[in-house]
Amino acid sequence: MASPQSESSVDLKDPKFEQYDCLPCRLVGATAFTGLGVYAYWQSNIPRGTPFYRTRRLGILSLATGFVGAGLYRLIN
């Protein structure tokens, strides 16, 4: 059985370690947010006869834009 020091080559108490994020984690997060944005955009196609059509559509499109923006931000940072 190996000692705990030989298994861990990264100091978990290092402040820089908290800022580290692996590429697969960023890709999964970016894909999830972008997928939510695309789905919200797709759901924004509501019939014109519904009450408050413009307000609802604007709200849903704002959510879609926010989710896609969050996905791009997650990918970059």
N, C-alpha and C. Protein backbone atom coordinates (compact mmCIF):
# COMPACT_ATOMS: atom_id res chain seq x y z
N MET A 1 0.84 -1.17 0.00
CA MET A 1 0.00 0.00 0.00
C MET A 1 0.89 1.23 0.00
N ALA A 2 0.61 2.16 -0.89
CA ALA A 2 1.44 3.35 -1.02
C ALA A 2 1.08 4.38 0.05
N SER A 3 2.06 5.18 0.37
CA SER A 3 1.81 6.23 1.36
C SER A 3 1.01 7.37 0.73
N PRO A 4 0.24 8.14 1.51
CA PRO A 4 -0.57 9.23 0.95
C PRO A 4 0.27 10.32 0.28
N GLN A 5 1.50 10.52 0.72
CA GLN A 5 2.33 11.56 0.13
C GLN A 5 2.74 11.21 -1.29
N SER A 6 3.00 9.95 -1.58
CA SER A 6 3.43 9.58 -2.92
C SER A 6 2.27 9.61 -3.91
N GLU A 7 1.03 9.42 -3.46
CA GLU A 7 -0.13 9.45 -4.35
C GLU A 7 -0.48 10.87 -4.77
N SER A 8 -0.33 11.82 -3.88
CA SER A 8 -0.74 13.19 -4.17
C SER A 8 0.49 14.03 -4.52
N SER A 9 0.59 14.42 -5.78
CA SER A 9 1.70 15.26 -6.19
C SER A 9 1.30 16.74 -6.23
N VAL A 10 0.02 17.03 -5.95
CA VAL A 10 -0.50 18.39 -5.97
C VAL A 10 -0.83 18.80 -4.54
N ASP A 11 -0.38 20.00 -4.16
CA ASP A 11 -0.69 20.52 -2.83
C ASP A 11 -2.10 21.11 -2.87
N LEU A 12 -3.05 20.45 -2.17
CA LEU A 12 -4.44 20.87 -2.22
C LEU A 12 -4.68 22.19 -1.50
N LYS A 13 -3.77 22.60 -0.65
CA LYS A 13 -3.93 23.85 0.09
C LYS A 13 -3.32 25.04 -0.65
N ASP A 14 -2.74 24.79 -1.81
CA ASP A 14 -2.16 25.86 -2.63
C ASP A 14 -3.29 26.71 -3.21
N PRO A 15 -3.24 28.04 -3.08
CA PRO A 15 -4.32 28.89 -3.61
C PRO A 15 -4.51 28.76 -5.12
N LYS A 16 -3.46 28.46 -5.86
CA LYS A 16 -3.59 28.31 -7.31
C LYS A 16 -4.38 27.07 -7.69
N PHE A 17 -4.41 26.07 -6.81
CA PHE A 17 -5.11 24.83 -7.11
C PHE A 17 -6.62 25.06 -7.22
N GLU A 18 -7.16 26.02 -6.46
CA GLU A 18 -8.58 26.29 -6.50
C GLU A 18 -9.02 26.88 -7.83
N GLN A 19 -8.12 27.52 -8.55
CA GLN A 19 -8.45 28.14 -9.81
C GLN A 19 -8.30 27.17 -10.99
N TYR A 20 -7.70 26.03 -10.77
CA TYR A 20 -7.46 25.08 -11.83
C TYR A 20 -8.76 24.38 -12.21
N ASP A 21 -9.02 24.27 -13.50
CA ASP A 21 -10.18 23.56 -14.00
C ASP A 21 -9.76 22.81 -15.25
N CYS A 22 -10.00 21.52 -15.26
CA CYS A 22 -9.53 20.72 -16.38
C CYS A 22 -10.38 20.96 -17.63
N LEU A 23 -9.83 20.67 -18.77
CA LEU A 23 -10.50 20.89 -20.05
C LEU A 23 -11.78 20.08 -20.17
N PRO A 24 -11.81 18.80 -19.80
CA PRO A 24 -13.08 18.06 -19.91
C PRO A 24 -14.20 18.67 -19.04
N CYS A 25 -13.84 19.20 -17.88
CA CYS A 25 -14.85 19.83 -17.03
C CYS A 25 -15.41 21.08 -17.69
N ARG A 26 -14.54 21.86 -18.31
CA ARG A 26 -15.00 23.07 -19.00
C ARG A 26 -15.85 22.71 -20.21
N LEU A 27 -15.48 21.67 -20.94
CA LEU A 27 -16.25 21.27 -22.12
C LEU A 27 -17.64 20.78 -21.73
N VAL A 28 -17.73 20.00 -20.67
CA VAL A 28 -19.03 19.50 -20.22
C VAL A 28 -19.91 20.66 -19.77
N GLY A 29 -19.35 21.58 -19.00
CA GLY A 29 -20.12 22.74 -18.53
C GLY A 29 -20.56 23.62 -19.68
N ALA A 30 -19.66 23.87 -20.62
CA ALA A 30 -20.00 24.70 -21.77
C ALA A 30 -21.06 24.04 -22.63
N THR A 31 -20.96 22.75 -22.81
CA THR A 31 -21.95 22.02 -23.61
C THR A 31 -23.32 22.05 -22.93
N ALA A 32 -23.34 21.91 -21.61
CA ALA A 32 -24.61 21.92 -20.88
C ALA A 32 -25.29 23.28 -21.00
N PHE A 33 -24.55 24.36 -20.77
CA PHE A 33 -25.15 25.69 -20.85
C PHE A 33 -25.58 26.04 -22.27
N THR A 34 -24.75 25.69 -23.25
CA THR A 34 -25.10 25.97 -24.63
C THR A 34 -26.32 25.15 -25.05
N GLY A 35 -26.37 23.91 -24.61
CA GLY A 35 -27.54 23.07 -24.90
C GLY A 35 -28.81 23.65 -24.29
N LEU A 36 -28.72 24.16 -23.07
CA LEU A 36 -29.88 24.81 -22.47
C LEU A 36 -30.31 26.03 -23.26
N GLY A 37 -29.35 26.79 -23.74
CA GLY A 37 -29.66 27.97 -24.53
C GLY A 37 -30.34 27.62 -25.85
N VAL A 38 -29.84 26.60 -26.51
CA VAL A 38 -30.44 26.17 -27.78
C VAL A 38 -31.86 25.65 -27.54
N TYR A 39 -32.03 24.89 -26.47
CA TYR A 39 -33.36 24.37 -26.15
C TYR A 39 -34.33 25.51 -25.82
N ALA A 40 -33.87 26.51 -25.07
CA ALA A 40 -34.72 27.66 -24.76
C ALA A 40 -35.08 28.42 -26.03
N TYR A 41 -34.13 28.57 -26.93
CA TYR A 41 -34.42 29.23 -28.21
C TYR A 41 -35.46 28.45 -29.00
N TRP A 42 -35.33 27.15 -29.00
CA TRP A 42 -36.27 26.30 -29.71
C TRP A 42 -37.67 26.42 -29.09
N GLN A 43 -37.74 26.55 -27.79
CA GLN A 43 -39.02 26.68 -27.10
C GLN A 43 -39.64 28.07 -27.25
N SER A 44 -38.89 29.02 -27.77
CA SER A 44 -39.42 30.38 -27.91
C SER A 44 -40.40 30.50 -29.06
N ASN A 45 -40.55 29.49 -29.85
CA ASN A 45 -41.51 29.50 -30.97
C ASN A 45 -42.90 29.16 -30.43
N ILE A 46 -43.55 30.15 -29.82
CA ILE A 46 -44.89 29.95 -29.27
C ILE A 46 -45.90 30.56 -30.23
N PRO A 47 -47.13 30.09 -30.22
CA PRO A 47 -48.14 30.63 -31.14
C PRO A 47 -48.41 32.12 -30.89
N ARG A 48 -48.69 32.84 -31.95
CA ARG A 48 -48.89 34.29 -31.83
C ARG A 48 -50.15 34.65 -31.07
N GLY A 49 -51.12 33.78 -30.98
CA GLY A 49 -52.38 34.10 -30.32
C GLY A 49 -52.33 34.03 -28.79
N THR A 50 -51.22 33.58 -28.23
CA THR A 50 -51.15 33.46 -26.77
C THR A 50 -51.08 34.83 -26.12
N PRO A 51 -51.63 34.94 -24.90
CA PRO A 51 -51.55 36.23 -24.20
C PRO A 51 -50.10 36.61 -23.89
N PHE A 52 -49.80 37.88 -23.99
CA PHE A 52 -48.46 38.41 -23.72
C PHE A 52 -47.40 37.73 -24.59
N TYR A 53 -47.73 37.56 -25.87
CA TYR A 53 -46.84 36.87 -26.80
C TYR A 53 -45.46 37.50 -26.85
N ARG A 54 -45.41 38.80 -27.06
CA ARG A 54 -44.12 39.48 -27.20
C ARG A 54 -43.31 39.43 -25.92
N THR A 55 -43.96 39.60 -24.79
CA THR A 55 -43.25 39.59 -23.51
C THR A 55 -42.69 38.21 -23.21
N ARG A 56 -43.48 37.19 -23.43
CA ARG A 56 -43.00 35.82 -23.19
C ARG A 56 -41.84 35.46 -24.12
N ARG A 57 -42.02 35.81 -25.40
CA ARG A 57 -40.96 35.48 -26.37
C ARG A 57 -39.67 36.22 -26.03
N LEU A 58 -39.78 37.50 -25.65
CA LEU A 58 -38.60 38.26 -25.28
C LEU A 58 -37.93 37.65 -24.04
N GLY A 59 -38.72 37.24 -23.07
CA GLY A 59 -38.16 36.62 -21.87
C GLY A 59 -37.43 35.32 -22.17
N ILE A 60 -38.05 34.49 -22.99
CA ILE A 60 -37.42 33.21 -23.33
C ILE A 60 -36.17 33.42 -24.17
N LEU A 61 -36.22 34.36 -25.10
CA LEU A 61 -35.02 34.65 -25.90
C LEU A 61 -33.90 35.24 -25.04
N SER A 62 -34.26 36.01 -24.04
CA SER A 62 -33.25 36.54 -23.11
C SER A 62 -32.59 35.41 -22.33
N LEU A 63 -33.39 34.46 -21.87
CA LEU A 63 -32.83 33.30 -21.18
C LEU A 63 -31.91 32.51 -22.11
N ALA A 64 -32.35 32.32 -23.35
CA ALA A 64 -31.53 31.57 -24.31
C ALA A 64 -30.20 32.26 -24.53
N THR A 65 -30.24 33.58 -24.70
CA THR A 65 -29.00 34.33 -24.90
C THR A 65 -28.10 34.24 -23.67
N GLY A 66 -28.70 34.33 -22.49
CA GLY A 66 -27.92 34.22 -21.26
C GLY A 66 -27.25 32.86 -21.11
N PHE A 67 -27.99 31.80 -21.43
CA PHE A 67 -27.41 30.46 -21.31
C PHE A 67 -26.28 30.23 -22.32
N VAL A 68 -26.47 30.68 -23.54
CA VAL A 68 -25.40 30.52 -24.55
C VAL A 68 -24.19 31.36 -24.13
N GLY A 69 -24.43 32.55 -23.62
CA GLY A 69 -23.32 33.38 -23.14
C GLY A 69 -22.59 32.73 -21.98
N ALA A 70 -23.35 32.12 -21.06
CA ALA A 70 -22.72 31.42 -19.94
C ALA A 70 -21.90 30.23 -20.43
N GLY A 71 -22.40 29.56 -21.46
CA GLY A 71 -21.65 28.43 -22.03
C GLY A 71 -20.34 28.88 -22.65
N LEU A 72 -20.37 29.98 -23.38
CA LEU A 72 -19.13 30.49 -23.97
C LEU A 72 -18.17 30.98 -22.91
N TYR A 73 -18.70 31.64 -21.88
CA TYR A 73 -17.85 32.11 -20.78
C TYR A 73 -17.23 30.92 -20.06
N ARG A 74 -17.98 29.86 -19.86
CA ARG A 74 -17.47 28.66 -19.19
C ARG A 74 -16.36 28.02 -20.02
N LEU A 75 -16.51 28.05 -21.32
CA LEU A 75 -15.50 27.45 -22.19
C LEU A 75 -14.21 28.25 -22.17
N ILE A 76 -14.32 29.58 -22.16
CA ILE A 76 -13.15 30.42 -22.23
C ILE A 76 -12.43 30.50 -20.88
N ASN A 77 -13.18 30.68 -19.81
CA ASN A 77 -12.55 30.83 -18.49
C ASN A 77 -12.57 29.55 -17.74
